[in-house]
C-alpha atoms as a PDB file:
ATOM      1  CA  MET A   1      11.976 -20.256  -7.127  1.00  0.00           C
ATOM      2  CA  GLU A   2      12.252 -20.009  -3.347  1.00  0.00           C
ATOM      3  CA  LYS A   3       9.764 -22.556  -2.007  1.00  0.00           C
ATOM      4  CA  THR A   4      11.094 -22.065   1.532  1.00  0.00           C
ATOM      5  CA  ARG A   5       9.264 -18.725   1.614  1.00  0.00           C
ATOM      6  CA  THR A   6       5.662 -19.194   2.698  1.00  0.00           C
ATOM      7  CA  ILE A   7       2.888 -16.848   1.572  1.00  0.00           C
ATOM      8  CA  LEU A   8      -0.569 -16.946   3.126  1.00  0.00           C
ATOM      9  CA  PHE A   9      -3.240 -15.976   0.585  1.00  0.00           C
ATOM     10  CA  ALA A  10      -6.726 -15.537   2.055  1.00  0.00           C
ATOM     11  CA  ASP A  11      -9.910 -14.915   0.083  1.00  0.00           C
ATOM     12  CA  GLY A  12     -13.524 -15.977   0.510  1.00  0.00           C
ATOM     13  CA  THR A  13     -13.859 -16.894  -3.184  1.00  0.00           C
ATOM     14  CA  ALA A  14     -12.275 -20.123  -4.416  1.00  0.00           C
ATOM     15  CA  MET A  15     -11.520 -18.650  -7.849  1.00  0.00           C
ATOM     16  CA  PHE A  16      -9.448 -15.837  -6.334  1.00  0.00           C
ATOM     17  CA  ARG A  17      -7.613 -18.260  -4.016  1.00  0.00           C
ATOM     18  CA  GLU A  18      -6.683 -20.378  -7.028  1.00  0.00           C
ATOM     19  CA  LEU A  19      -5.661 -17.314  -9.023  1.00  0.00           C
ATOM     20  CA  GLY A  20      -3.503 -16.006  -6.180  1.00  0.00           C
ATOM     21  CA  SER A  21      -1.834 -19.405  -5.805  1.00  0.00           C
ATOM     22  CA  ILE A  22      -1.025 -19.534  -9.515  1.00  0.00           C
ATOM     23  CA  PHE A  23       0.306 -15.961  -9.591  1.00  0.00           C
ATOM     24  CA  LEU A  24       2.522 -16.456  -6.534  1.00  0.00           C
ATOM     25  CA  ASP A  25       3.709 -19.992  -7.208  1.00  0.00           C
ATOM     26  CA  CYS A  26       6.962 -18.621  -8.647  1.00  0.00           C
ATOM     27  CA  THR A  27       7.524 -16.560  -5.491  1.00  0.00           C
ATOM     28  CA  GLY A  28       7.236 -19.159  -2.731  1.00  0.00           C
ATOM     29  CA  ARG A  29       5.071 -21.840  -1.157  1.00  0.00           C
ATOM     30  CA  VAL A  30       1.471 -20.610  -1.106  1.00  0.00           C
ATOM     31  CA  VAL A  31      -1.009 -21.698   1.566  1.00  0.00           C
ATOM     32  CA  THR A  32      -4.611 -20.509   1.376  1.00  0.00           C
ATOM     33  CA  ALA A  33      -7.431 -19.670   3.756  1.00  0.00           C
ATOM     34  CA  ASN A  34     -11.130 -18.959   3.271  1.00  0.00           C
ATOM     35  CA  ASP A  35     -11.521 -16.258   5.936  1.00  0.00           C
ATOM     36  CA  GLY A  36      -9.846 -14.511   8.843  1.00  0.00           C
ATOM     37  CA  TYR A  37     -10.358 -17.372  11.310  1.00  0.00           C
ATOM     38  CA  GLU A  38      -8.743 -19.904   8.966  1.00  0.00           C
ATOM     39  CA  SER A  39      -5.963 -17.364   8.412  1.00  0.00           C
ATOM     40  CA  LEU A  40      -5.202 -17.154  12.134  1.00  0.00           C
ATOM     41  CA  GLU A  41      -4.956 -20.938  12.275  1.00  0.00           C
ATOM     42  CA  ALA A  42      -2.668 -20.931   9.215  1.00  0.00           C
ATOM     43  CA  LEU A  43      -0.471 -18.281  10.842  1.00  0.00           C
ATOM     44  CA  ARG A  44       0.145 -20.543  13.826  1.00  0.00           C
ATOM     45  CA  LYS A  45       0.647 -23.647  11.685  1.00  0.00           C
ATOM     46  CA  TYR A  46       2.769 -22.366   8.775  1.00  0.00           C
ATOM     47  CA  ARG A  47       4.316 -19.129  10.111  1.00  0.00           C
ATOM     48  CA  PRO A  48       4.265 -17.366   6.709  1.00  0.00           C
ATOM     49  CA  GLY A  49       6.574 -14.525   5.776  1.00  0.00           C
ATOM     50  CA  ILE A  50       3.721 -12.418   4.408  1.00  0.00           C
ATOM     51  CA  VAL A  51      -0.089 -12.332   4.371  1.00  0.00           C
ATOM     52  CA  VAL A  52      -2.187 -11.352   1.359  1.00  0.00           C
ATOM     53  CA  ALA A  53      -5.877 -11.142   2.293  1.00  0.00           C
ATOM     54  CA  ASP A  54      -9.139  -9.856   0.879  1.00  0.00           C
ATOM     55  CA  LEU A  55     -10.662  -6.968   2.801  1.00  0.00           C
ATOM     56  CA  ASP A  56     -14.201  -8.424   2.732  1.00  0.00           C
ATOM     57  CA  MET A  57     -14.134 -12.121   3.658  1.00  0.00           C
ATOM     58  CA  PRO A  58     -16.883 -14.088   5.443  1.00  0.00           C
ATOM     59  CA  ARG A  59     -16.852 -14.349   9.258  1.00  0.00           C
ATOM     60  CA  MET A  60     -13.681 -12.232   9.637  1.00  0.00           C
ATOM     61  CA  GLY A  61     -12.528  -9.745   7.019  1.00  0.00           C
ATOM     62  CA  GLY A  62      -9.006  -8.734   6.106  1.00  0.00           C
ATOM     63  CA  ASP A  63      -9.092  -5.562   8.188  1.00  0.00           C
ATOM     64  CA  GLU A  64      -9.983  -7.439  11.399  1.00  0.00           C
ATOM     65  CA  LEU A  65      -7.380 -10.089  10.556  1.00  0.00           C
ATOM     66  CA  CYS A  66      -4.779  -7.350  10.112  1.00  0.00           C
ATOM     67  CA  ARG A  67      -5.634  -5.869  13.520  1.00  0.00           C
ATOM     68  CA  HIS A  68      -5.198  -9.322  15.124  1.00  0.00           C
ATOM     69  CA  ILE A  69      -1.782  -9.588  13.471  1.00  0.00           C
ATOM     70  CA  ARG A  70      -0.733  -6.116  14.619  1.00  0.00           C
ATOM     71  CA  ASN A  71      -1.899  -6.726  18.196  1.00  0.00           C
ATOM     72  CA  ASP A  72       0.061  -9.979  18.601  1.00  0.00           C
ATOM     73  CA  PRO A  73       3.700  -9.365  19.636  1.00  0.00           C
ATOM     74  CA  GLU A  74       4.782 -12.437  17.636  1.00  0.00           C
ATOM     75  CA  THR A  75       3.246 -11.257  14.343  1.00  0.00           C
ATOM     76  CA  ARG A  76       2.958  -7.472  14.594  1.00  0.00           C
ATOM     77  CA  LYS A  77       5.839  -6.895  12.148  1.00  0.00           C
ATOM     78  CA  LEU A  78       4.512  -9.390   9.586  1.00  0.00           C
ATOM     79  CA  PRO A  79       3.882  -7.692   6.207  1.00  0.00           C
ATOM     80  CA  VAL A  80       0.193  -7.581   5.259  1.00  0.00           C
ATOM     81  CA  ILE A  81      -1.187  -6.732   1.822  1.00  0.00           C
ATOM     82  CA  LEU A  82      -4.952  -6.267   1.677  1.00  0.00           C
ATOM     83  CA  LEU A  83      -7.019  -6.675  -1.492  1.00  0.00           C
ATOM     84  CA  THR A  84     -10.119  -4.632  -2.180  1.00  0.00           C
ATOM     85  CA  GLY A  85     -12.685  -5.228  -4.886  1.00  0.00           C
ATOM     86  CA  SER A  86     -14.556  -1.953  -4.759  1.00  0.00           C
ATOM     87  CA  GLY A  87     -11.932   0.655  -5.558  1.00  0.00           C
ATOM     88  CA  LEU A  88     -13.675   2.977  -3.093  1.00  0.00           C
ATOM     89  CA  ALA A  89     -11.600   5.479  -1.143  1.00  0.00           C
ATOM     90  CA  ASP A  90     -13.258   4.454   2.133  1.00  0.00           C
ATOM     91  CA  ASP A  91     -12.273   0.797   1.652  1.00  0.00           C
ATOM     92  CA  ARG A  92      -8.634   1.771   1.203  1.00  0.00           C
ATOM     93  CA  ALA A  93      -8.886   3.889   4.341  1.00  0.00           C
ATOM     94  CA  ARG A  94     -10.296   0.853   6.235  1.00  0.00           C
ATOM     95  CA  ALA A  95      -7.319  -1.212   5.144  1.00  0.00           C
ATOM     96  CA  MET A  96      -4.747   1.429   6.082  1.00  0.00           C
ATOM     97  CA  HIS A  97      -6.358   2.150   9.456  1.00  0.00           C
ATOM     98  CA  ALA A  98      -6.167  -1.590  10.193  1.00  0.00           C
ATOM     99  CA  GLY A  99      -2.403  -1.506   9.642  1.00  0.00           C
ATOM    100  CA  ALA A 100      -1.986  -2.814   6.079  1.00  0.00           C
ATOM    101  CA  ASP A 101       1.432  -2.315   4.497  1.00  0.00           C
ATOM    102  CA  ASP A 102      -0.041  -2.075   0.992  1.00  0.00           C
ATOM    103  CA  VAL A 103      -3.428  -2.197  -0.714  1.00  0.00           C
ATOM    104  CA  ILE A 104      -4.075  -3.720  -4.143  1.00  0.00           C
ATOM    105  CA  THR A 105      -7.363  -3.362  -6.014  1.00  0.00           C
ATOM    106  CA  LYS A 106      -8.999  -6.269  -7.837  1.00  0.00           C
ATOM    107  CA  PRO A 107      -8.928  -7.475 -10.557  1.00  0.00           C
ATOM    108  CA  ILE A 108      -5.439  -8.537  -9.511  1.00  0.00           C
ATOM    109  CA  SER A 109      -2.527  -7.791 -11.802  1.00  0.00           C
ATOM    110  CA  ARG A 110       0.028 -10.611 -11.654  1.00  0.00           C
ATOM    111  CA  ILE A 111       2.903  -8.156 -12.051  1.00  0.00           C
ATOM    112  CA  ALA A 112       1.619  -5.857  -9.293  1.00  0.00           C
ATOM    113  CA  LEU A 113       0.992  -8.747  -6.891  1.00  0.00           C
ATOM    114  CA  VAL A 114       4.339 -10.491  -7.470  1.00  0.00           C
ATOM    115  CA  GLN A 115       6.293  -7.239  -7.201  1.00  0.00           C
ATOM    116  CA  ALA A 116       4.467  -6.241  -4.008  1.00  0.00           C
ATOM    117  CA  VAL A 117       5.113  -9.608  -2.354  1.00  0.00           C
ATOM    118  CA  ASN A 118       8.754  -9.739  -3.491  1.00  0.00           C
ATOM    119  CA  ARG A 119       9.332  -6.256  -2.136  1.00  0.00           C
ATOM    120  CA  PHE A 120       8.510  -7.478   1.380  1.00  0.00           C
ATOM    121  CA  LEU A 121      10.222 -10.859   1.059  1.00  0.00           C
ATOM    122  CA  SER A 122      13.434  -9.562  -0.498  1.00  0.00           C
ATOM    123  CA  GLY A 123      15.306  -9.508   2.805  1.00  0.00           C
ATOM    124  CA  ARG A 124      16.451  -5.948   2.130  1.00  0.00           C
ATOM    125  CA  PRO A 125      15.417  -2.981   4.291  1.00  0.00           C
ATOM    126  CA  GLN A 126      12.118  -1.628   3.051  1.00  0.00           C
ATOM    127  CA  ARG A 127      12.209   1.772   1.405  1.00  0.00           C
ATOM    128  CA  GLY A 128       8.529   1.993   0.652  1.00  0.00           C
ATOM    129  CA  LEU A 129       6.647   1.840  -2.626  1.00  0.00           C
ATOM    130  CA  PRO A 130       8.201   2.938  -5.942  1.00  0.00           C
ATOM    131  CA  ARG A 131       8.440   6.716  -5.858  1.00  0.00           C
ATOM    132  CA  ALA A 132       8.994   9.526  -8.346  1.00  0.00           C
ATOM    133  CA  SER A 133      10.060  13.140  -8.032  1.00  0.00           C
ATOM    134  CA  PHE A 134       6.997  15.347  -8.203  1.00  0.00           C
ATOM    135  CA  GLU A 135       6.526  19.093  -7.898  1.00  0.00           C
ATOM    136  CA  SER A 136       3.083  20.557  -7.376  1.00  0.00           C
ATOM    137  CA  ASP A 137       1.256  22.963  -5.116  1.00  0.00           C
ATOM    138  CA  VAL A 138      -0.636  21.109  -2.378  1.00  0.00           C
ATOM    139  CA  ARG A 139      -3.594  22.311  -0.311  1.00  0.00           C
ATOM    140  CA  ILE A 140      -3.669  20.854   3.207  1.00  0.00           C
ATOM    141  CA  LEU A 141      -6.946  20.983   5.125  1.00  0.00           C
ATOM    142  CA  GLN A 142      -7.175  20.228   8.835  1.00  0.00           C
ATOM    143  CA  SER A 143      -9.890  21.166  11.318  1.00  0.00           C
ATOM    144  CA  GLY A 144     -11.202  23.949   9.098  1.00  0.00           C
ATOM    145  CA  GLU A 145      -7.739  25.450   8.518  1.00  0.00           C
ATOM    146  CA  VAL A 146      -6.133  25.525   5.079  1.00  0.00           C
ATOM    147  CA  TYR A 147      -2.364  25.443   4.580  1.00  0.00           C
ATOM    148  CA  GLU A 148      -0.272  25.587   1.430  1.00  0.00           C
ATOM    149  CA  GLY A 149       2.617  23.250   0.679  1.00  0.00           C
ATOM    150  CA  ALA A 150       4.806  22.015  -2.156  1.00  0.00           C
ATOM    151  CA  ALA A 151       5.016  18.338  -3.119  1.00  0.00           C
ATOM    152  CA  ARG A 152       8.499  16.935  -3.705  1.00  0.00           C
ATOM    153  CA  ASN A 153       7.953  13.205  -4.331  1.00  0.00           C
ATOM    154  CA  LEU A 154       5.043  10.811  -4.725  1.00  0.00           C
ATOM    155  CA  SER A 155       4.058   7.145  -4.619  1.00  0.00           C
ATOM    156  CA  ARG A 156       0.672   5.447  -4.581  1.00  0.00           C
ATOM    157  CA  GLY A 157       1.220   5.046  -0.848  1.00  0.00           C
ATOM    158  CA  GLY A 158       1.954   8.654   0.043  1.00  0.00           C
ATOM    159  CA  ILE A 159       3.573  12.003  -0.623  1.00  0.00           C
ATOM    160  CA  PHE A 160       6.268  14.250   0.849  1.00  0.00           C
ATOM    161  CA  VAL A 161       5.193  17.878   1.202  1.00  0.00           C
ATOM    162  CA  GLU A 162       7.357  20.830   2.135  1.00  0.00           C
ATOM    163  CA  SER A 163       5.247  22.976   4.437  1.00  0.00           C
ATOM    164  CA  ASP A 164       5.506  25.359   7.340  1.00  0.00           C
ATOM    165  CA  PRO A 165       3.647  24.924   9.687  1.00  0.00           C
ATOM    166  CA  ILE A 166       3.994  21.141   9.939  1.00  0.00           C
ATOM    167  CA  VAL A 167       1.024  19.089  11.102  1.00  0.00           C
ATOM    168  CA  ALA A 168       1.581  16.961  14.223  1.00  0.00           C
ATOM    169  CA  LEU A 169       2.489  13.289  13.891  1.00  0.00           C
ATOM    170  CA  ALA A 170      -0.408  10.817  13.456  1.00  0.00           C
ATOM    171  CA  ASN A 171      -2.868  13.591  12.625  1.00  0.00           C
ATOM    172  CA  GLU A 172      -5.141  13.133   9.630  1.00  0.00           C
ATOM    173  CA  VAL A 173      -5.584  15.784   6.954  1.00  0.00           C
ATOM    174  CA  SER A 174      -7.255  16.227   3.580  1.00  0.00           C
ATOM    175  CA  LEU A 175      -5.037  16.979   0.601  1.00  0.00           C
ATOM    176  CA  GLU A 176      -5.591  18.369  -2.856  1.00  0.00           C
ATOM    177  CA  PHE A 177      -3.032  18.390  -5.665  1.00  0.00           C
ATOM    178  CA  THR A 178      -2.937  17.964  -9.431  1.00  0.00           C
ATOM    179  CA  LEU A 179      -0.833  15.635 -11.551  1.00  0.00           C
ATOM    180  CA  PRO A 180       0.811  17.005 -14.719  1.00  0.00           C
ATOM    181  CA  ASP A 181      -1.484  17.137 -17.777  1.00  0.00           C
ATOM    182  CA  LEU A 182      -4.573  16.370 -15.675  1.00  0.00           C
ATOM    183  CA  GLU A 183      -7.182  18.953 -14.766  1.00  0.00           C
ATOM    184  CA  GLU A 184      -9.084  16.991 -12.122  1.00  0.00           C
ATOM    185  CA  PRO A 185      -7.330  17.204  -8.739  1.00  0.00           C
ATOM    186  CA  ILE A 186      -6.359  14.215  -6.592  1.00  0.00           C
ATOM    187  CA  ALA A 187      -8.045  14.620  -3.198  1.00  0.00           C
ATOM    188  CA  PRO A 188      -7.101  11.910  -0.679  1.00  0.00           C
ATOM    189  CA  THR A 189      -7.089  11.946   3.076  1.00  0.00           C
ATOM    190  CA  ALA A 190      -3.706  11.205   4.635  1.00  0.00           C
ATOM    191  CA  GLN A 191      -1.909  10.702   7.937  1.00  0.00           C
ATOM    192  CA  VAL A 192       1.355  12.345   8.972  1.00  0.00           C
ATOM    193  CA  ILE A 193       3.876   9.531   9.566  1.00  0.00           C
ATOM    194  CA  TRP A 194       7.116  11.544   9.845  1.00  0.00           C
ATOM    195  CA  ARG A 195       8.183  15.179  10.040  1.00  0.00           C
ATOM    196  CA  GLN A 196      11.202  17.183   8.935  1.00  0.00           C
ATOM    197  CA  PRO A 197      11.333  20.054  11.430  1.00  0.00           C
ATOM    198  CA  PRO A 198      12.555  23.595  10.749  1.00  0.00           C
ATOM    199  CA  GLY A 199      16.138  24.431  11.585  1.00  0.00           C
ATOM    200  CA  THR A 200      17.765  21.569   9.683  1.00  0.00           C
ATOM    201  CA  ARG A 201      19.662  21.800   6.405  1.00  0.00           C
ATOM    202  CA  HIS A 202      16.496  20.680   4.601  1.00  0.00           C
ATOM    203  CA  PRO A 203      13.258  22.672   4.232  1.00  0.00           C
ATOM    204  CA  PRO A 204      10.571  21.756   6.787  1.00  0.00           C
ATOM    205  CA  GLY A 205       8.022  19.245   5.624  1.00  0.00           C
ATOM    206  CA  MET A 206       6.221  15.989   6.338  1.00  0.00           C
ATOM    207  CA  GLY A 207       5.747  12.516   4.975  1.00  0.00           C
ATOM    208  CA  LEU A 208       2.071  11.663   4.547  1.00  0.00           C
ATOM    209  CA  GLN A 209       0.573   8.210   4.072  1.00  0.00           C
ATOM    210  CA  PHE A 210      -2.564   8.127   1.943  1.00  0.00           C
ATOM    211  CA  LEU A 211      -5.672   6.749   3.653  1.00  0.00           C
ATOM    212  CA  ALA A 212      -8.823   7.340   1.591  1.00  0.00           C
ATOM    213  CA  LEU A 213      -7.836   7.214  -2.078  1.00  0.00           C
ATOM    214  CA  ASP A 214     -10.174   5.968  -4.807  1.00  0.00           C
ATOM    215  CA  ARG A 215      -9.124   3.522  -7.527  1.00  0.00           C
ATOM    216  CA  THR A 216      -9.093   6.091 -10.333  1.00  0.00           C
ATOM    217  CA  SER A 217      -6.722   8.332  -8.375  1.00  0.00           C
ATOM    218  CA  THR A 218      -4.557   5.343  -7.406  1.00  0.00           C
ATOM    219  CA  ASP A 219      -4.277   4.286 -11.053  1.00  0.00           C
ATOM    220  CA  ARG A 220      -3.343   7.816 -12.117  1.00  0.00           C
ATOM    221  CA  ILE A 221      -0.626   8.023  -9.474  1.00  0.00           C
ATOM    222  CA  ASP A 222       0.664   4.561 -10.463  1.00  0.00           C
ATOM    223  CA  ASP A 223       0.831   5.665 -14.107  1.00  0.00           C
ATOM    224  CA  PHE A 224       2.727   8.826 -13.166  1.00  0.00           C
ATOM    225  CA  VAL A 225       5.236   6.924 -11.015  1.00  0.00           C
ATOM    226  CA  TYR A 226       5.624   4.255 -13.713  1.00  0.00           C
ATOM    227  CA  GLU A 227       6.499   6.911 -16.294  1.00  0.00           C
ATOM    228  CA  ASN A 228       8.785   8.989 -14.072  1.00  0.00           C
ATOM    229  CA  SER A 229      10.877   6.517 -12.069  1.00  0.00           C
ATOM    230  CA  ASP A 230      12.813   3.250 -12.353  1.00  0.00           C
ATOM    231  CA  PHE A 231       9.552   1.426 -11.661  1.00  0.00           C
ATOM    232  CA  GLY A 232       8.856   1.250 -15.390  1.00  0.00           C
ATOM    233  CA  ASP A 233      12.183  -0.473 -15.988  1.00  0.00           C
ATOM    234  CA  ALA A 234      11.368  -2.991 -13.246  1.00  0.00           C
ATOM    235  CA  ASN A 235       8.038  -3.806 -14.897  1.00  0.00           C
ATOM    236  CA  ALA A 236       9.713  -4.218 -18.267  1.00  0.00           C
ATOM    237  CA  ALA A 237      12.202  -6.634 -16.711  1.00  0.00           C
ATOM    238  CA  ALA A 238       9.365  -8.558 -15.067  1.00  0.00           C
ATOM    239  CA  ARG A 239       7.583  -8.957 -18.402  1.00  0.00           C
ATOM    240  CA  ALA A 240      10.793 -10.119 -20.041  1.00  0.00           C
ATOM    241  CA  ALA A 241      11.154 -12.742 -17.295  1.00  0.00           C
ATOM    242  CA  GLY A 242       7.631 -13.991 -17.982  1.00  0.00           C
ATOM    243  CA  VAL A 243       5.948 -12.465 -14.917  1.00  0.00           C
ATOM    244  CA  GLN A 244       2.755 -11.153 -16.545  1.00  0.00           C
END
């Protein structure tokens, strides 16, 4: 147990603050806040290594808090995980537009929360969320134009798509693809965060970060990644260690 690591957990409901403190007690010292204003005070006082905050808190929500953190040179690189209770695609998009590093939907899974926090506090360079190889045709819609691409890997946070032409950095698009053994397509919006241009030894393509993605689609992607990567082994190890 590394009590020197400080985690700020902010939620407007006392029950969720207590639950978060219990779940994360094995991960570090947990300090709590009731809203965004209390969180800003706690940031100055405790200088936590990560912030976990509810999207919809009284007075100042998690998205506004995240923007404050990103706009302050002293805290802009601080990892922020936002919690959402609705599971709506638009709420996830709000969190991502505000600069969240990850989004977790309530009710909170202890395993998911502990693994997400540990991933940012590990001290190792971040390689993103657990990812699995994935091959599927992808439809890319932007400004009335439709492009075709081929997915190559997938996480609940985003997807890599081989495509030519490549959409410009920071642009937002709508995607449509289908997971194996499922008929209903996944249809998130996404933002281009990096590009692999033509003329290299690799096919042209782009890394896309999901923005609007509903809870059902998120759960389906999580299940696919769990079954097709080392993520499942990590969860099994966490259960064996008593992190449930």
